[in-house]
């Protein structure tokens, strides 16, 4: 399930928020995982020749590696588990966009 909302003052400002819930999942080893929720935000200020933005994702810091190892076996002969959740936790990025026209 997901929810997205955006708000914009045309030519001046943008805001976006997203959230989603991933329900319980059955893995190939017959274990069932509990569901998890996460959300993100985007804010953008707009000027005539330049935009500045900041984006944040996975603000609930959900990580598959918090719930168990991503592999079993030795480091030389690993057996990788199913991928079912984010690996990288909270991600924040920002930028500047310059308009030449």
C-alpha atoms as a PDB file:
ATOM      1  CA  UNK A   1       0.000   0.000   0.000  1.00  0.00           C
ATOM      2  CA  UNK A   2       1.332   3.469  -0.776  1.00  0.00           C
ATOM      3  CA  UNK A   3       0.380   7.086  -0.287  1.00  0.00           C
ATOM      4  CA  UNK A   4       1.796  10.077  -2.169  1.00  0.00           C
ATOM      5  CA  UNK A   5       1.012  13.753  -1.793  1.00  0.00           C
ATOM      6  CA  UNK A   6       2.427  16.743  -3.654  1.00  0.00           C
ATOM      7  CA  UNK A   7       1.981  20.466  -3.275  1.00  0.00           C
ATOM      8  CA  UNK A   8       3.257  23.086  -5.702  1.00  0.00           C
ATOM      9  CA  UNK A   9       3.227  26.837  -5.984  1.00  0.00           C
ATOM     10  CA  UNK A  10       3.917  27.008  -9.710  1.00  0.00           C
ATOM     11  CA  UNK A  11       7.304  28.511 -10.504  1.00  0.00           C
ATOM     12  CA  UNK A  12       8.214  28.937  -6.823  1.00  0.00           C
ATOM     13  CA  UNK A  13       8.046  25.873  -4.573  1.00  0.00           C
ATOM     14  CA  UNK A  14       7.383  22.113  -4.542  1.00  0.00           C
ATOM     15  CA  UNK A  15       6.838  19.673  -1.716  1.00  0.00           C
ATOM     16  CA  UNK A  16       6.307  15.945  -1.937  1.00  0.00           C
ATOM     17  CA  UNK A  17       5.801  13.166   0.583  1.00  0.00           C
ATOM     18  CA  UNK A  18       5.483   9.453   0.026  1.00  0.00           C
ATOM     19  CA  UNK A  19       4.892   6.530   2.308  1.00  0.00           C
ATOM     20  CA  UNK A  20       4.416   2.863   1.730  1.00  0.00           C
ATOM     21  CA  UNK A  21       3.741  -0.300   3.653  1.00  0.00           C
ATOM     22  CA  UNK A  22       5.087  -3.674   2.608  1.00  0.00           C
ATOM     23  CA  UNK A  23       3.089  -6.461   4.205  1.00  0.00           C
ATOM     24  CA  UNK A  24       4.324  -9.793   5.566  1.00  0.00           C
ATOM     25  CA  UNK A  25       6.328 -11.798   3.044  1.00  0.00           C
ATOM     26  CA  UNK A  26       7.011 -15.510   2.696  1.00  0.00           C
ATOM     27  CA  UNK A  27      10.634 -16.215   1.796  1.00  0.00           C
ATOM     28  CA  UNK A  28      12.035 -19.171  -0.121  1.00  0.00           C
ATOM     29  CA  UNK A  29      13.202 -20.771   3.161  1.00  0.00           C
ATOM     30  CA  UNK A  30       9.552 -20.803   4.396  1.00  0.00           C
ATOM     31  CA  UNK A  31      10.054 -18.054   6.985  1.00  0.00           C
ATOM     32  CA  UNK A  32       7.438 -15.308   7.139  1.00  0.00           C
ATOM     33  CA  UNK A  33       8.568 -11.756   7.757  1.00  0.00           C
ATOM     34  CA  UNK A  34       6.590  -9.019   9.443  1.00  0.00           C
ATOM     35  CA  UNK A  35       5.577  -5.990   7.401  1.00  0.00           C
ATOM     36  CA  UNK A  36       7.295  -2.628   7.543  1.00  0.00           C
ATOM     37  CA  UNK A  37       6.517   0.987   6.634  1.00  0.00           C
ATOM     38  CA  UNK A  38       8.738   3.774   5.384  1.00  0.00           C
ATOM     39  CA  UNK A  39       8.395   7.292   4.034  1.00  0.00           C
ATOM     40  CA  UNK A  40      10.289  10.043   2.233  1.00  0.00           C
ATOM     41  CA  UNK A  41      10.154  13.795   1.646  1.00  0.00           C
ATOM     42  CA  UNK A  42      11.190  16.173  -1.138  1.00  0.00           C
ATOM     43  CA  UNK A  43      11.392  19.972  -0.903  1.00  0.00           C
ATOM     44  CA  UNK A  44      12.353  22.133  -3.882  1.00  0.00           C
ATOM     45  CA  UNK A  45      12.722  25.905  -4.133  1.00  0.00           C
ATOM     46  CA  UNK A  46      12.438  27.260  -7.670  1.00  0.00           C
ATOM     47  CA  UNK A  47      13.886  30.476  -9.055  1.00  0.00           C
ATOM     48  CA  UNK A  48      14.077  31.732 -12.639  1.00  0.00           C
ATOM     49  CA  UNK A  49      17.569  30.375 -13.392  1.00  0.00           C
ATOM     50  CA  UNK A  50      18.144  27.896 -10.564  1.00  0.00           C
ATOM     51  CA  UNK A  51      16.418  25.276  -8.391  1.00  0.00           C
ATOM     52  CA  UNK A  52      17.607  23.933  -5.043  1.00  0.00           C
ATOM     53  CA  UNK A  53      16.252  20.671  -3.645  1.00  0.00           C
ATOM     54  CA  UNK A  54      16.664  18.275  -0.766  1.00  0.00           C
ATOM     55  CA  UNK A  55      15.339  14.733  -0.795  1.00  0.00           C
ATOM     56  CA  UNK A  56      15.165  12.203   2.047  1.00  0.00           C
ATOM     57  CA  UNK A  57      14.220   8.548   1.614  1.00  0.00           C
ATOM     58  CA  UNK A  58      13.517   5.681   4.021  1.00  0.00           C
ATOM     59  CA  UNK A  59      13.150   8.012   7.011  1.00  0.00           C
ATOM     60  CA  UNK A  60      11.998   5.123   9.209  1.00  0.00           C
ATOM     61  CA  UNK A  61      15.467   3.598   8.630  1.00  0.00           C
ATOM     62  CA  UNK A  62      14.169   0.142   7.688  1.00  0.00           C
ATOM     63  CA  UNK A  63      17.030  -2.188   6.743  1.00  0.00           C
ATOM     64  CA  UNK A  64      17.071  -5.859   5.899  1.00  0.00           C
ATOM     65  CA  UNK A  65      20.433  -6.222   7.639  1.00  0.00           C
ATOM     66  CA  UNK A  66      18.786  -5.311  10.983  1.00  0.00           C
ATOM     67  CA  UNK A  67      16.600  -8.423  10.784  1.00  0.00           C
ATOM     68  CA  UNK A  68      19.306 -10.939   9.937  1.00  0.00           C
ATOM     69  CA  UNK A  69      22.331 -11.684   7.823  1.00  0.00           C
ATOM     70  CA  UNK A  70      22.071 -11.301   4.073  1.00  0.00           C
ATOM     71  CA  UNK A  71      24.063 -14.480   3.541  1.00  0.00           C
ATOM     72  CA  UNK A  72      24.820 -17.766   5.275  1.00  0.00           C
ATOM     73  CA  UNK A  73      27.788 -20.046   4.829  1.00  0.00           C
ATOM     74  CA  UNK A  74      31.407 -19.008   4.626  1.00  0.00           C
ATOM     75  CA  UNK A  75      32.738 -15.832   3.084  1.00  0.00           C
ATOM     76  CA  UNK A  76      34.262 -17.907   0.265  1.00  0.00           C
ATOM     77  CA  UNK A  77      31.045 -19.901  -0.402  1.00  0.00           C
ATOM     78  CA  UNK A  78      28.163 -17.629   0.572  1.00  0.00           C
ATOM     79  CA  UNK A  79      24.516 -18.557   0.199  1.00  0.00           C
ATOM     80  CA  UNK A  80      22.552 -15.333  -0.248  1.00  0.00           C
ATOM     81  CA  UNK A  81      19.106 -14.874   1.281  1.00  0.00           C
ATOM     82  CA  UNK A  82      16.120 -13.331  -0.520  1.00  0.00           C
ATOM     83  CA  UNK A  83      16.192  -9.557  -0.876  1.00  0.00           C
ATOM     84  CA  UNK A  84      12.987  -8.172   0.631  1.00  0.00           C
ATOM     85  CA  UNK A  85      13.771  -4.752   2.163  1.00  0.00           C
ATOM     86  CA  UNK A  86      16.107  -1.765   1.705  1.00  0.00           C
ATOM     87  CA  UNK A  87      19.798  -2.276   2.487  1.00  0.00           C
ATOM     88  CA  UNK A  88      20.938   1.315   2.887  1.00  0.00           C
ATOM     89  CA  UNK A  89      18.731   2.864   5.586  1.00  0.00           C
ATOM     90  CA  UNK A  90      18.101   6.610   5.526  1.00  0.00           C
ATOM     91  CA  UNK A  91      19.303   8.320   2.336  1.00  0.00           C
ATOM     92  CA  UNK A  92      19.485  12.121   2.060  1.00  0.00           C
ATOM     93  CA  UNK A  93      20.614  14.009  -1.019  1.00  0.00           C
ATOM     94  CA  UNK A  94      20.512  17.604  -2.150  1.00  0.00           C
ATOM     95  CA  UNK A  95      21.320  19.446  -5.317  1.00  0.00           C
ATOM     96  CA  UNK A  96      21.255  22.543  -7.433  1.00  0.00           C
ATOM     97  CA  UNK A  97      19.830  22.637 -10.939  1.00  0.00           C
ATOM     98  CA  UNK A  98      20.962  25.524 -13.139  1.00  0.00           C
ATOM     99  CA  UNK A  99      18.760  26.535 -16.078  1.00  0.00           C
ATOM    100  CA  UNK A 100      20.565  28.025 -19.072  1.00  0.00           C
ATOM    101  CA  UNK A 101      17.479  29.036 -21.055  1.00  0.00           C
END
